[in-house]
């Protein structure tokens, strides 16, 4: 028996998933508020997972396609993480010189084979070294992700967040998720202010 990133004793190891169906959005009328909500930036990019299995890396898309061959620099960075096994959730983005993201840069990189401008913003940790973390609180998973990415630089970036103050955080780039919710494949708690809506599990 081993210990989780939070230091708690955990059950026997579980198998690393080959692919996890990503959480999706459900729209409602108002942004959520209150300290139980965790708010993140909504990047202009492509949903991408990162699967690390004893040095071997796969970069599955939201539909399960393997795009590792398209993004070798990102795959190499994932392979260098201090873990034997990990399954991470994130967003592949093209980064402009001013720090904003651009979906068109992803398309250009795919067409030209130049992925230098691409980064992977990581916002969830679903499996780590034999432990399935999806049932743990989002805040705890993100704390573990922050530790895992500590000291790492581009092309891997930790997607930071704010807890509470949802109304004040109303901005077209932001996405909150309930910090108390467990991960459920295919379901998500998301707010998309660009179209004045939010989602609840």
Protein backbone atom coordinates (compact mmCIF):
# COMPACT_ATOMS: atom_id res chain seq x y z
CA UNK A 1 0.00 0.00 0.00
CA UNK A 2 1.32 3.44 -0.95
CA UNK A 3 0.46 7.07 -0.29
CA UNK A 4 -1.37 9.56 -2.49
CA UNK A 5 -0.02 13.06 -3.37
CA UNK A 6 -2.01 14.38 -0.40
CA UNK A 7 -0.21 11.95 1.91
CA UNK A 8 -3.18 9.69 2.63
CA UNK A 9 -2.92 5.91 2.57
CA UNK A 10 -4.63 4.49 -0.50
CA UNK A 11 -6.01 1.20 -1.74
CA UNK A 12 -4.30 -1.29 -4.02
CA UNK A 13 -3.10 0.13 -7.36
CA UNK A 14 -5.59 0.60 -10.19
CA UNK A 15 -4.80 0.23 -13.87
CA UNK A 16 -3.88 3.31 -15.88
CA UNK A 17 -6.81 4.03 -18.25
CA UNK A 18 -6.13 3.90 -21.97
CA UNK A 19 -8.52 6.82 -22.56
CA UNK A 20 -10.96 8.79 -20.43
CA UNK A 21 -14.03 10.38 -21.99
CA UNK A 22 -13.69 14.11 -21.21
CA UNK A 23 -16.22 16.08 -19.24
CA UNK A 24 -18.46 18.22 -21.45
CA UNK A 25 -20.51 21.35 -20.92
CA UNK A 26 -24.09 21.91 -19.86
CA UNK A 27 -25.37 25.45 -20.29
CA UNK A 28 -27.46 27.55 -17.91
CA UNK A 29 -28.18 31.27 -17.65
CA UNK A 30 -25.94 32.69 -14.92
CA UNK A 31 -22.36 32.21 -13.71
CA UNK A 32 -22.15 30.23 -10.47
CA UNK A 33 -21.06 31.98 -7.31
CA UNK A 34 -19.95 30.95 -3.84
CA UNK A 35 -16.82 29.45 -2.25
CA UNK A 36 -17.62 25.93 -3.48
CA UNK A 37 -16.91 26.98 -7.08
CA UNK A 38 -13.47 26.89 -8.67
CA UNK A 39 -12.91 29.22 -11.65
CA UNK A 40 -10.41 28.64 -14.44
CA UNK A 41 -9.48 30.37 -17.69
CA UNK A 42 -11.18 28.98 -20.79
CA UNK A 43 -8.42 28.78 -23.38
CA UNK A 44 -8.92 29.00 -27.14
CA UNK A 45 -7.52 25.64 -28.10
CA UNK A 46 -8.11 21.88 -28.48
CA UNK A 47 -8.93 19.55 -25.61
CA UNK A 48 -6.06 17.13 -25.13
CA UNK A 49 -5.14 14.50 -22.58
CA UNK A 50 -1.65 13.32 -21.71
CA UNK A 51 -1.06 9.66 -20.80
CA UNK A 52 2.27 8.65 -19.30
CA UNK A 53 3.05 4.96 -18.86
CA UNK A 54 6.60 4.25 -17.70
CA UNK A 55 8.18 6.69 -20.12
CA UNK A 56 5.80 6.01 -23.02
CA UNK A 57 3.51 8.93 -23.83
CA UNK A 58 0.24 9.26 -25.70
CA UNK A 59 -1.64 12.50 -26.38
CA UNK A 60 -5.30 11.53 -26.90
CA UNK A 61 -7.80 14.05 -28.26
CA UNK A 62 -11.31 14.51 -26.88
CA UNK A 63 -12.52 11.77 -29.25
CA UNK A 64 -9.68 9.36 -28.42
CA UNK A 65 -7.44 9.96 -31.46
CA UNK A 66 -3.73 9.69 -30.71
CA UNK A 67 -1.96 12.91 -31.73
CA UNK A 68 1.40 12.10 -30.17
CA UNK A 69 3.06 12.08 -33.59
CA UNK A 70 1.86 15.64 -34.23
CA UNK A 71 3.32 17.09 -31.04
CA UNK A 72 6.66 15.41 -30.21
CA UNK A 73 7.93 18.34 -28.09
CA UNK A 74 4.90 18.14 -25.79
CA UNK A 75 5.17 14.34 -25.62
CA UNK A 76 8.83 14.66 -24.63
CA UNK A 77 7.95 17.13 -21.88
CA UNK A 78 5.28 14.77 -20.50
CA UNK A 79 7.79 11.91 -20.53
CA UNK A 80 10.07 13.96 -18.26
CA UNK A 81 7.45 14.31 -15.48
CA UNK A 82 8.43 12.75 -12.12
CA UNK A 83 5.93 9.90 -12.27
CA UNK A 84 5.74 6.32 -13.52
CA UNK A 85 2.10 6.60 -14.58
CA UNK A 86 -0.11 9.64 -15.01
CA UNK A 87 -3.25 10.67 -16.86
CA UNK A 88 -3.71 14.43 -17.24
CA UNK A 89 -6.43 16.61 -18.74
CA UNK A 90 -5.68 19.85 -20.52
CA UNK A 91 -5.96 22.15 -23.51
CA UNK A 92 -3.54 22.36 -26.43
CA UNK A 93 -3.08 26.01 -27.36
CA UNK A 94 -1.18 28.24 -29.72
CA UNK A 95 0.44 31.09 -27.79
CA UNK A 96 0.80 34.57 -29.22
CA UNK A 97 3.71 36.82 -28.22
CA UNK A 98 1.38 38.79 -25.92
CA UNK A 99 0.46 35.66 -23.96
CA UNK A 100 -3.04 35.18 -25.40
CA UNK A 101 -4.10 31.95 -27.08
CA UNK A 102 -5.09 31.45 -30.71
CA UNK A 103 -6.79 28.42 -32.23
CA UNK A 104 -5.46 29.33 -35.68
CA UNK A 105 -1.88 28.87 -34.44
CA UNK A 106 -2.68 25.20 -33.77
CA UNK A 107 -3.88 24.79 -37.34
CA UNK A 108 -0.80 26.58 -38.69
CA UNK A 109 1.50 24.38 -36.62
CA UNK A 110 -0.21 21.25 -37.96
CA UNK A 111 0.13 22.48 -41.54
CA UNK A 112 3.79 23.53 -41.25
CA UNK A 113 5.05 20.97 -38.75
CA UNK A 114 6.34 23.76 -36.50
CA UNK A 115 5.01 23.23 -33.00
CA UNK A 116 7.27 25.71 -31.18
CA UNK A 117 4.37 28.07 -30.48
CA UNK A 118 2.19 25.33 -28.96
CA UNK A 119 1.74 24.74 -25.24
CA UNK A 120 -0.35 22.34 -23.17
CA UNK A 121 -2.26 23.95 -20.31
CA UNK A 122 -3.03 21.23 -17.76
CA UNK A 123 -5.97 21.58 -15.39
CA UNK A 124 -6.71 18.12 -13.99
CA UNK A 125 -4.92 15.00 -12.77
CA UNK A 126 -7.07 11.88 -13.09
CA UNK A 127 -4.55 9.12 -12.37
CA UNK A 128 -1.13 9.05 -10.73
CA UNK A 129 1.16 6.07 -10.07
CA UNK A 130 -1.51 3.45 -9.62
CA UNK A 131 -4.19 5.62 -8.05
CA UNK A 132 -7.40 6.68 -9.79
CA UNK A 133 -8.05 10.23 -8.59
CA UNK A 134 -11.34 11.03 -10.34
CA UNK A 135 -13.42 10.56 -7.17
CA UNK A 136 -11.29 12.99 -5.17
CA UNK A 137 -12.23 16.69 -4.90
CA UNK A 138 -11.08 18.85 -7.80
CA UNK A 139 -9.06 21.11 -5.51
CA UNK A 140 -7.11 18.10 -4.22
CA UNK A 141 -6.46 16.85 -7.75
CA UNK A 142 -5.22 20.29 -8.81
CA UNK A 143 -2.95 20.48 -5.77
CA UNK A 144 -1.39 17.19 -6.87
CA UNK A 145 -1.08 18.46 -10.44
CA UNK A 146 0.67 21.61 -9.26
CA UNK A 147 3.23 19.50 -7.40
CA UNK A 148 3.73 17.22 -10.40
CA UNK A 149 4.41 20.21 -12.67
CA UNK A 150 6.59 22.04 -10.16
CA UNK A 151 9.78 23.26 -11.81
CA UNK A 152 8.52 22.48 -15.31
CA UNK A 153 8.32 25.14 -18.00
CA UNK A 154 6.96 25.48 -21.54
CA UNK A 155 5.42 23.61 -23.30
CA UNK A 156 3.68 22.35 -20.12
CA UNK A 157 1.81 24.89 -18.00
CA UNK A 158 -0.34 24.55 -14.89
CA UNK A 159 -3.78 26.12 -15.42
CA UNK A 160 -4.32 28.14 -12.26
CA UNK A 161 -7.70 28.99 -10.76
CA UNK A 162 -9.64 31.18 -8.37
CA UNK A 163 -12.02 29.93 -5.69
CA UNK A 164 -15.36 31.74 -5.35
CA UNK A 165 -16.30 35.26 -6.51
CA UNK A 166 -17.88 33.92 -9.70
CA UNK A 167 -19.84 37.06 -10.55
CA UNK A 168 -16.73 39.22 -10.16
CA UNK A 169 -14.82 36.75 -12.29
CA UNK A 170 -17.27 37.11 -15.20
CA UNK A 171 -15.00 37.18 -18.23
CA UNK A 172 -15.16 35.50 -21.67
CA UNK A 173 -12.02 33.47 -20.98
CA UNK A 174 -13.00 31.90 -17.66
CA UNK A 175 -14.33 28.48 -16.76
CA UNK A 176 -15.40 27.40 -13.26
CA UNK A 177 -15.97 23.89 -12.01
CA UNK A 178 -17.40 22.82 -8.70
CA UNK A 179 -14.49 22.12 -6.37
CA UNK A 180 -16.47 19.47 -4.50
CA UNK A 181 -17.52 17.49 -7.58
CA UNK A 182 -15.94 14.21 -8.52
CA UNK A 183 -14.89 13.64 -12.12
CA UNK A 184 -17.51 11.86 -14.21
CA UNK A 185 -16.84 10.85 -17.77
CA UNK A 186 -18.90 12.84 -20.24
CA UNK A 187 -20.31 15.26 -17.67
CA UNK A 188 -18.99 18.59 -16.52
CA UNK A 189 -19.69 21.72 -14.52
CA UNK A 190 -18.72 24.62 -16.76
CA UNK A 191 -19.49 28.29 -17.23
CA UNK A 192 -19.05 29.85 -20.66
CA UNK A 193 -19.58 33.60 -20.30
CA UNK A 194 -18.77 34.20 -23.97
CA UNK A 195 -22.29 32.93 -24.62
CA UNK A 196 -23.67 33.97 -21.20
CA UNK A 197 -24.16 30.49 -19.81
CA UNK A 198 -22.90 28.13 -17.15
CA UNK A 199 -23.28 24.45 -16.48
CA UNK A 200 -24.11 22.43 -13.41
CA UNK A 201 -23.60 18.76 -12.74
